Amino acid sequence: MTKGMLRKLAGTLFAMLVLTPLPCAAPAATLAGTVVALSGPCVAHGRALKRGSAVQVDDTVSVPAGVHLELRMADGSVLLVGPGSSMTVENYSAGGAGPLAKLSLPHGLLRVRVARVAGPSTFVVSTAAGTASVSSAYADWFIKAEADSAQVGVLAGTVDLTSAARGQSVSIPAHWGTRLEAGRAPVLPRVWSQVEFSAVIRLTECCQSAQPKIEMPAR
């Protein structure tokens, strides 16, 4: 092979190296929270979860019957996921103007304890029947979702429940609760009794590191 041919071959190889695109690195997953406790086998997108496991944006967390899971979000908020629940982290951000969390709950029970932060925090849980949302400094509340209904009870703060079909909303203050049927407007909220709150607390209390005391208003 002549020197001219070698130079030509070297030039061709150099051009191929320059023009060939380098493989792009996969975008880094966004951390939403960490598993604090669980009472049995749970998975997130097929990954077996254990204490200390990371849960990321787009993960679907599946908690089977008879099992409980506690998840601490990056901003300090706590999610207590009850037995037989499926929850997807649609979006999450702990920075910017304030924490933002968007979850979907096709079925199951979720207790949300929104952490106290300096600025406003937005927490949204979508179900088939409608959407529950919090935009306040602190809140502690439950949401139970089924295929055709949703139920919300509030221990602290205020939660708005909006019908997916009608777009009508109600605001639920502390110690009150309500229900929403698919295709209808939310039922007007009412004061919940200690018995009603205790019934849903029992379904999530297994994993709580510290059970907060519930103070009901005097009748």
C-alpha atoms as a PDB file:
ATOM      1  CA  MET A   1       0.000   0.000   0.000  1.00  0.00           C
ATOM      2  CA  THR A   2       1.424   3.366  -1.047  1.00  0.00           C
ATOM      3  CA  LYS A   3       1.818   6.376   1.242  1.00  0.00           C
ATOM      4  CA  GLY A   4      -0.933   8.147  -0.676  1.00  0.00           C
ATOM      5  CA  MET A   5      -3.344   5.291  -0.090  1.00  0.00           C
ATOM      6  CA  LEU A   6      -2.435   5.217   3.621  1.00  0.00           C
ATOM      7  CA  ARG A   7      -3.082   8.947   3.928  1.00  0.00           C
ATOM      8  CA  LYS A   8      -6.422   8.540   2.176  1.00  0.00           C
ATOM      9  CA  LEU A   9      -7.414   5.638   4.460  1.00  0.00           C
ATOM     10  CA  ALA A  10      -6.393   7.594   7.564  1.00  0.00           C
ATOM     11  CA  GLY A  11      -8.456  10.561   6.408  1.00  0.00           C
ATOM     12  CA  THR A  12     -11.483   8.342   5.825  1.00  0.00           C
ATOM     13  CA  LEU A  13     -11.208   6.781   9.291  1.00  0.00           C
ATOM     14  CA  PHE A  14     -10.831  10.216  10.898  1.00  0.00           C
ATOM     15  CA  ALA A  15     -13.930  11.492   9.111  1.00  0.00           C
ATOM     16  CA  MET A  16     -15.888   8.451  10.271  1.00  0.00           C
ATOM     17  CA  LEU A  17     -14.870   9.060  13.883  1.00  0.00           C
ATOM     18  CA  VAL A  18     -15.795  12.745  13.713  1.00  0.00           C
ATOM     19  CA  LEU A  19     -19.154  12.223  12.011  1.00  0.00           C
ATOM     20  CA  THR A  20     -20.276   9.190  14.026  1.00  0.00           C
ATOM     21  CA  PRO A  21     -22.513  10.450  16.859  1.00  0.00           C
ATOM     22  CA  LEU A  22     -21.524   9.390  20.329  1.00  0.00           C
ATOM     23  CA  PRO A  23     -24.125   7.434  22.308  1.00  0.00           C
ATOM     24  CA  CYS A  24     -26.206   9.750  24.473  1.00  0.00           C
ATOM     25  CA  ALA A  25     -26.321   9.065  28.156  1.00  0.00           C
ATOM     26  CA  ALA A  26     -29.739   8.120  29.494  1.00  0.00           C
ATOM     27  CA  PRO A  27     -31.405  10.950  31.403  1.00  0.00           C
ATOM     28  CA  ALA A  28     -30.929  10.624  35.136  1.00  0.00           C
ATOM     29  CA  ALA A  29     -33.977   9.424  37.030  1.00  0.00           C
ATOM     30  CA  THR A  30     -35.593  11.989  39.319  1.00  0.00           C
ATOM     31  CA  LEU A  31     -35.650  10.895  42.941  1.00  0.00           C
ATOM     32  CA  ALA A  32     -39.050  11.350  44.552  1.00  0.00           C
ATOM     33  CA  GLY A  33     -38.596   9.607  47.871  1.00  0.00           C
ATOM     34  CA  THR A  34     -37.148   6.771  49.924  1.00  0.00           C
ATOM     35  CA  VAL A  35     -38.810   3.748  51.505  1.00  0.00           C
ATOM     36  CA  VAL A  36     -38.731   4.188  55.289  1.00  0.00           C
ATOM     37  CA  ALA A  37     -40.621   1.045  56.277  1.00  0.00           C
ATOM     38  CA  LEU A  38     -42.674  -1.772  54.782  1.00  0.00           C
ATOM     39  CA  SER A  39     -44.373  -4.808  56.252  1.00  0.00           C
ATOM     40  CA  GLY A  40     -44.049  -7.179  53.300  1.00  0.00           C
ATOM     41  CA  PRO A  41     -43.073  -7.509  49.631  1.00  0.00           C
ATOM     42  CA  CYS A  42     -43.717  -4.375  47.537  1.00  0.00           C
ATOM     43  CA  VAL A  43     -42.505  -3.444  44.052  1.00  0.00           C
ATOM     44  CA  ALA A  44     -41.922  -0.299  41.996  1.00  0.00           C
ATOM     45  CA  HIS A  45     -41.891  -0.924  38.226  1.00  0.00           C
ATOM     46  CA  GLY A  46     -40.952  -4.538  38.917  1.00  0.00           C
ATOM     47  CA  ARG A  47     -38.123  -3.672  41.323  1.00  0.00           C
ATOM     48  CA  ALA A  48     -38.433  -5.286  44.723  1.00  0.00           C
ATOM     49  CA  LEU A  49     -38.478  -2.592  47.380  1.00  0.00           C
ATOM     50  CA  LYS A  50     -36.784  -2.711  50.742  1.00  0.00           C
ATOM     51  CA  ARG A  51     -36.022  -0.213  53.469  1.00  0.00           C
ATOM     52  CA  GLY A  52     -33.846   2.519  51.953  1.00  0.00           C
ATOM     53  CA  SER A  53     -34.939   1.841  48.343  1.00  0.00           C
ATOM     54  CA  ALA A  54     -35.363   4.889  46.111  1.00  0.00           C
ATOM     55  CA  VAL A  55     -38.694   5.651  44.445  1.00  0.00           C
ATOM     56  CA  GLN A  56     -38.448   7.771  41.307  1.00  0.00           C
ATOM     57  CA  VAL A  57     -40.708   9.840  39.096  1.00  0.00           C
ATOM     58  CA  ASP A  58     -42.766   7.541  36.799  1.00  0.00           C
ATOM     59  CA  ASP A  59     -42.500   4.645  39.258  1.00  0.00           C
ATOM     60  CA  THR A  60     -45.696   2.729  39.992  1.00  0.00           C
ATOM     61  CA  VAL A  61     -45.607   1.441  43.553  1.00  0.00           C
ATOM     62  CA  SER A  62     -47.659  -1.712  44.131  1.00  0.00           C
ATOM     63  CA  VAL A  63     -48.576  -2.701  47.688  1.00  0.00           C
ATOM     64  CA  PRO A  64     -50.391  -6.059  47.901  1.00  0.00           C
ATOM     65  CA  ALA A  65     -53.190  -6.978  50.269  1.00  0.00           C
ATOM     66  CA  GLY A  66     -52.096  -7.257  53.879  1.00  0.00           C
ATOM     67  CA  VAL A  67     -48.970  -5.134  53.333  1.00  0.00           C
ATOM     68  CA  HIS A  68     -48.186  -1.501  54.240  1.00  0.00           C
ATOM     69  CA  LEU A  69     -45.496   0.890  53.017  1.00  0.00           C
ATOM     70  CA  GLU A  70     -44.137   4.208  54.291  1.00  0.00           C
ATOM     71  CA  LEU A  71     -42.401   6.521  51.846  1.00  0.00           C
ATOM     72  CA  ARG A  72     -40.581   9.707  52.829  1.00  0.00           C
ATOM     73  CA  MET A  73     -40.466  12.262  50.026  1.00  0.00           C
ATOM     74  CA  ALA A  74     -37.401  14.399  49.332  1.00  0.00           C
ATOM     75  CA  ASP A  75     -39.079  17.473  50.894  1.00  0.00           C
ATOM     76  CA  GLY A  76     -39.874  15.583  54.109  1.00  0.00           C
ATOM     77  CA  SER A  77     -43.514  14.788  53.343  1.00  0.00           C
ATOM     78  CA  VAL A  78     -44.650  11.263  54.214  1.00  0.00           C
ATOM     79  CA  LEU A  79     -46.854   8.895  52.204  1.00  0.00           C
ATOM     80  CA  LEU A  80     -48.433   5.961  54.033  1.00  0.00           C
ATOM     81  CA  VAL A  81     -49.683   3.483  51.438  1.00  0.00           C
ATOM     82  CA  GLY A  82     -52.342   1.041  52.596  1.00  0.00           C
ATOM     83  CA  PRO A  83     -52.885  -2.603  51.615  1.00  0.00           C
ATOM     84  CA  GLY A  84     -54.034  -3.396  48.078  1.00  0.00           C
ATOM     85  CA  SER A  85     -52.923  -0.045  46.673  1.00  0.00           C
ATOM     86  CA  SER A  86     -51.340   1.036  43.395  1.00  0.00           C
ATOM     87  CA  MET A  87     -49.801   4.521  43.244  1.00  0.00           C
ATOM     88  CA  THR A  88     -47.833   6.208  40.461  1.00  0.00           C
ATOM     89  CA  VAL A  89     -45.506   9.179  40.958  1.00  0.00           C
ATOM     90  CA  GLU A  90     -46.471  11.229  37.896  1.00  0.00           C
ATOM     91  CA  ASN A  91     -44.304  14.243  38.742  1.00  0.00           C
ATOM     92  CA  TYR A  92     -42.227  15.480  41.653  1.00  0.00           C
ATOM     93  CA  SER A  93     -39.992  18.432  42.407  1.00  0.00           C
ATOM     94  CA  ALA A  94     -38.627  19.529  45.767  1.00  0.00           C
ATOM     95  CA  GLY A  95     -37.110  22.806  44.568  1.00  0.00           C
ATOM     96  CA  GLY A  96     -38.217  25.900  42.719  1.00  0.00           C
ATOM     97  CA  ALA A  97     -41.077  27.904  44.205  1.00  0.00           C
ATOM     98  CA  GLY A  98     -41.947  25.016  46.535  1.00  0.00           C
ATOM     99  CA  PRO A  99     -42.432  21.241  46.601  1.00  0.00           C
ATOM    100  CA  LEU A 100     -44.677  19.876  43.847  1.00  0.00           C
ATOM    101  CA  ALA A 101     -46.023  16.324  43.837  1.00  0.00           C
ATOM    102  CA  LYS A 102     -48.501  14.786  41.407  1.00  0.00           C
ATOM    103  CA  LEU A 103     -49.613  11.238  42.140  1.00  0.00           C
ATOM    104  CA  SER A 104     -52.235   8.939  40.646  1.00  0.00           C
ATOM    105  CA  LEU A 105     -54.131   6.407  42.748  1.00  0.00           C
ATOM    106  CA  PRO A 106     -56.264   4.055  40.614  1.00  0.00           C
ATOM    107  CA  HIS A 107     -57.210   2.055  43.691  1.00  0.00           C
ATOM    108  CA  GLY A 108     -56.236   1.788  47.324  1.00  0.00           C
ATOM    109  CA  LEU A 109     -55.701   3.973  50.365  1.00  0.00           C
ATOM    110  CA  LEU A 110     -53.144   6.714  50.878  1.00  0.00           C
ATOM    111  CA  ARG A 111     -52.367   8.936  53.845  1.00  0.00           C
ATOM    112  CA  VAL A 112     -50.503  12.108  52.907  1.00  0.00           C
ATOM    113  CA  ARG A 113     -48.646  14.125  55.533  1.00  0.00           C
ATOM    114  CA  VAL A 114     -47.379  17.217  53.732  1.00  0.00           C
ATOM    115  CA  ALA A 115     -44.269  18.589  55.451  1.00  0.00           C
ATOM    116  CA  ARG A 116     -44.139  22.111  56.836  1.00  0.00           C
ATOM    117  CA  VAL A 117     -41.971  24.214  54.511  1.00  0.00           C
ATOM    118  CA  ALA A 118     -41.118  27.894  54.221  1.00  0.00           C
ATOM    119  CA  GLY A 119     -43.000  28.389  50.949  1.00  0.00           C
ATOM    120  CA  PRO A 120     -46.208  26.919  49.529  1.00  0.00           C
ATOM    121  CA  SER A 121     -46.289  23.252  48.582  1.00  0.00           C
ATOM    122  CA  THR A 122     -48.616  21.637  46.053  1.00  0.00           C
ATOM    123  CA  PHE A 123     -49.749  18.049  46.456  1.00  0.00           C
ATOM    124  CA  VAL A 124     -52.164  16.506  43.938  1.00  0.00           C
ATOM    125  CA  VAL A 125     -53.635  12.983  43.934  1.00  0.00           C
ATOM    126  CA  SER A 126     -55.686  11.925  40.907  1.00  0.00           C
ATOM    127  CA  THR A 127     -58.258   9.122  40.925  1.00  0.00           C
ATOM    128  CA  ALA A 128     -60.748   7.855  38.342  1.00  0.00           C
ATOM    129  CA  ALA A 129     -63.543   9.874  39.960  1.00  0.00           C
ATOM    130  CA  GLY A 130     -61.652  13.113  40.545  1.00  0.00           C
ATOM    131  CA  THR A 131     -58.648  14.928  41.952  1.00  0.00           C
ATOM    132  CA  ALA A 132     -57.720  15.910  45.500  1.00  0.00           C
ATOM    133  CA  SER A 133     -55.265  18.772  45.899  1.00  0.00           C
ATOM    134  CA  VAL A 134     -53.472  20.660  48.648  1.00  0.00           C
ATOM    135  CA  SER A 135     -51.762  24.006  48.242  1.00  0.00           C
ATOM    136  CA  SER A 136     -50.794  25.025  51.760  1.00  0.00           C
ATOM    137  CA  ALA A 137     -47.939  25.011  54.239  1.00  0.00           C
ATOM    138  CA  TYR A 138     -49.069  21.792  55.938  1.00  0.00           C
ATOM    139  CA  ALA A 139     -51.740  19.110  55.644  1.00  0.00           C
ATOM    140  CA  ASP A 140     -52.482  15.613  56.946  1.00  0.00           C
ATOM    141  CA  TRP A 141     -55.184  13.727  55.077  1.00  0.00           C
ATOM    142  CA  PHE A 142     -56.458  10.462  53.638  1.00  0.00           C
ATOM    143  CA  ILE A 143     -57.731   9.507  50.223  1.00  0.00           C
ATOM    144  CA  LYS A 144     -59.335   6.183  49.350  1.00  0.00           C
ATOM    145  CA  ALA A 145     -59.841   5.374  45.670  1.00  0.00           C
ATOM    146  CA  GLU A 146     -61.957   2.783  43.899  1.00  0.00           C
ATOM    147  CA  ALA A 147     -62.853   2.341  40.238  1.00  0.00           C
ATOM    148  CA  ASP A 148     -65.939   4.558  40.505  1.00  0.00           C
ATOM    149  CA  SER A 149     -65.484   6.620  43.658  1.00  0.00           C
ATOM    150  CA  ALA A 150     -63.110   8.481  45.956  1.00  0.00           C
ATOM    151  CA  GLN A 151     -63.280   9.371  49.638  1.00  0.00           C
ATOM    152  CA  VAL A 152     -61.267  12.071  51.422  1.00  0.00           C
ATOM    153  CA  GLY A 153     -60.830  12.752  55.140  1.00  0.00           C
ATOM    154  CA  VAL A 154     -58.745  15.642  56.490  1.00  0.00           C
ATOM    155  CA  LEU A 155     -56.928  15.662  59.836  1.00  0.00           C
ATOM    156  CA  ALA A 156     -55.103  18.980  59.344  1.00  0.00           C
ATOM    157  CA  GLY A 157     -55.067  21.670  56.666  1.00  0.00           C
ATOM    158  CA  THR A 158     -57.559  22.021  53.816  1.00  0.00           C
ATOM    159  CA  VAL A 159     -58.013  19.734  50.798  1.00  0.00           C
ATOM    160  CA  ASP A 160     -59.944  20.534  47.603  1.00  0.00           C
ATOM    161  CA  LEU A 161     -61.779  17.652  45.897  1.00  0.00           C
ATOM    162  CA  THR A 162     -62.760  18.165  42.242  1.00  0.00           C
ATOM    163  CA  SER A 163     -65.008  15.967  40.102  1.00  0.00           C
ATOM    164  CA  ALA A 164     -63.316  14.718  36.918  1.00  0.00           C
ATOM    165  CA  ALA A 165     -66.624  14.696  35.025  1.00  0.00           C
ATOM    166  CA  ARG A 166     -68.281  17.883  36.302  1.00  0.00           C
ATOM    167  CA  GLY A 167     -65.327  20.051  37.285  1.00  0.00           C
ATOM    168  CA  GLN A 168     -67.117  21.027  40.508  1.00  0.00           C
ATOM    169  CA  SER A 169     -65.042  21.308  43.695  1.00  0.00           C
ATOM    170  CA  VAL A 170     -65.529  21.345  47.444  1.00  0.00           C
ATOM    171  CA  SER A 171     -63.038  22.419  50.114  1.00  0.00           C
ATOM    172  CA  ILE A 172     -62.630  20.042  53.049  1.00  0.00           C
ATOM    173  CA  PRO A 173     -61.334  21.575  56.301  1.00  0.00           C
ATOM    174  CA  ALA A 174     -59.652  19.777  59.194  1.00  0.00           C
ATOM    175  CA  HIS A 175     -61.733  17.034  60.885  1.00  0.00           C
ATOM    176  CA  TRP A 176     -64.135  16.882  57.955  1.00  0.00           C
ATOM    177  CA  GLY A 177     -64.543  14.408  55.100  1.00  0.00           C
ATOM    178  CA  THR A 178     -66.570  13.708  51.982  1.00  0.00           C
ATOM    179  CA  ARG A 179     -67.129  11.316  49.098  1.00  0.00           C
ATOM    180  CA  LEU A 180     -67.159  11.604  45.308  1.00  0.00           C
ATOM    181  CA  GLU A 181     -68.947   9.258  42.903  1.00  0.00           C
ATOM    182  CA  ALA A 182     -67.744   9.039  39.295  1.00  0.00           C
ATOM    183  CA  GLY A 183     -69.754  11.301  36.996  1.00  0.00           C
ATOM    184  CA  ARG A 184     -71.204  13.339  39.856  1.00  0.00           C
ATOM    185  CA  ALA A 185     -70.358  16.412  41.895  1.00  0.00           C
ATOM    186  CA  PRO A 186     -68.671  15.875  45.272  1.00  0.00           C
ATOM    187  CA  VAL A 187     -70.953  15.366  48.256  1.00  0.00           C
ATOM    188  CA  LEU A 188     -70.937  18.357  50.621  1.00  0.00           C
ATOM    189  CA  PRO A 189     -68.322  17.777  53.359  1.00  0.00           C
ATOM    190  CA  ARG A 190     -69.327  17.000  56.941  1.00  0.00           C
ATOM    191  CA  VAL A 191     -67.572  16.537  60.277  1.00  0.00           C
ATOM    192  CA  TRP A 192     -66.115  13.049  60.605  1.00  0.00           C
ATOM    193  CA  SER A 193     -66.263  11.186  63.895  1.00  0.00           C
ATOM    194  CA  GLN A 194     -63.285   9.708  65.729  1.00  0.00           C
ATOM    195  CA  VAL A 195     -64.558   6.261  64.712  1.00  0.00           C
ATOM    196  CA  GLU A 196     -64.491   7.170  61.011  1.00  0.00           C
ATOM    197  CA  PHE A 197     -60.931   8.494  61.193  1.00  0.00           C
ATOM    198  CA  SER A 198     -59.765   5.543  63.288  1.00  0.00           C
ATOM    199  CA  ALA A 199     -61.088   3.110  60.679  1.00  0.00           C
ATOM    200  CA  VAL A 200     -58.765   4.469  57.992  1.00  0.00           C
ATOM    201  CA  ILE A 201     -55.845   5.116  60.356  1.00  0.00           C
ATOM    202  CA  ARG A 202     -55.756   1.425  61.260  1.00  0.00           C
ATOM    203  CA  LEU A 203     -55.164   0.567  57.611  1.00  0.00           C
ATOM    204  CA  THR A 204     -51.962   2.649  57.434  1.00  0.00           C
ATOM    205  CA  GLU A 205     -50.626   2.781  60.996  1.00  0.00           C
ATOM    206  CA  CYS A 206     -48.523  -0.389  60.672  1.00  0.00           C
ATOM    207  CA  CYS A 207     -45.595   1.431  59.132  1.00  0.00           C
ATOM    208  CA  GLN A 208     -45.704   4.734  60.954  1.00  0.00           C
ATOM    209  CA  SER A 209     -42.631   5.459  63.031  1.00  0.00           C
ATOM    210  CA  ALA A 210     -44.670   7.786  65.249  1.00  0.00           C
ATOM    211  CA  GLN A 211     -48.457   7.776  65.382  1.00  0.00           C
ATOM    212  CA  PRO A 212     -49.707  11.379  65.657  1.00  0.00           C
ATOM    213  CA  LYS A 213     -52.457  12.054  68.140  1.00  0.00           C
ATOM    214  CA  ILE A 214     -55.771  13.057  66.635  1.00  0.00           C
ATOM    215  CA  GLU A 215     -57.523  15.906  68.390  1.00  0.00           C
ATOM    216  CA  MET A 216     -61.176  16.107  67.446  1.00  0.00           C
ATOM    217  CA  PRO A 217     -63.110  19.346  67.950  1.00  0.00           C
ATOM    218  CA  ALA A 218     -65.530  19.575  70.841  1.00  0.00           C
ATOM    219  CA  ARG A 219     -69.131  19.033  69.845  1.00  0.00           C
END
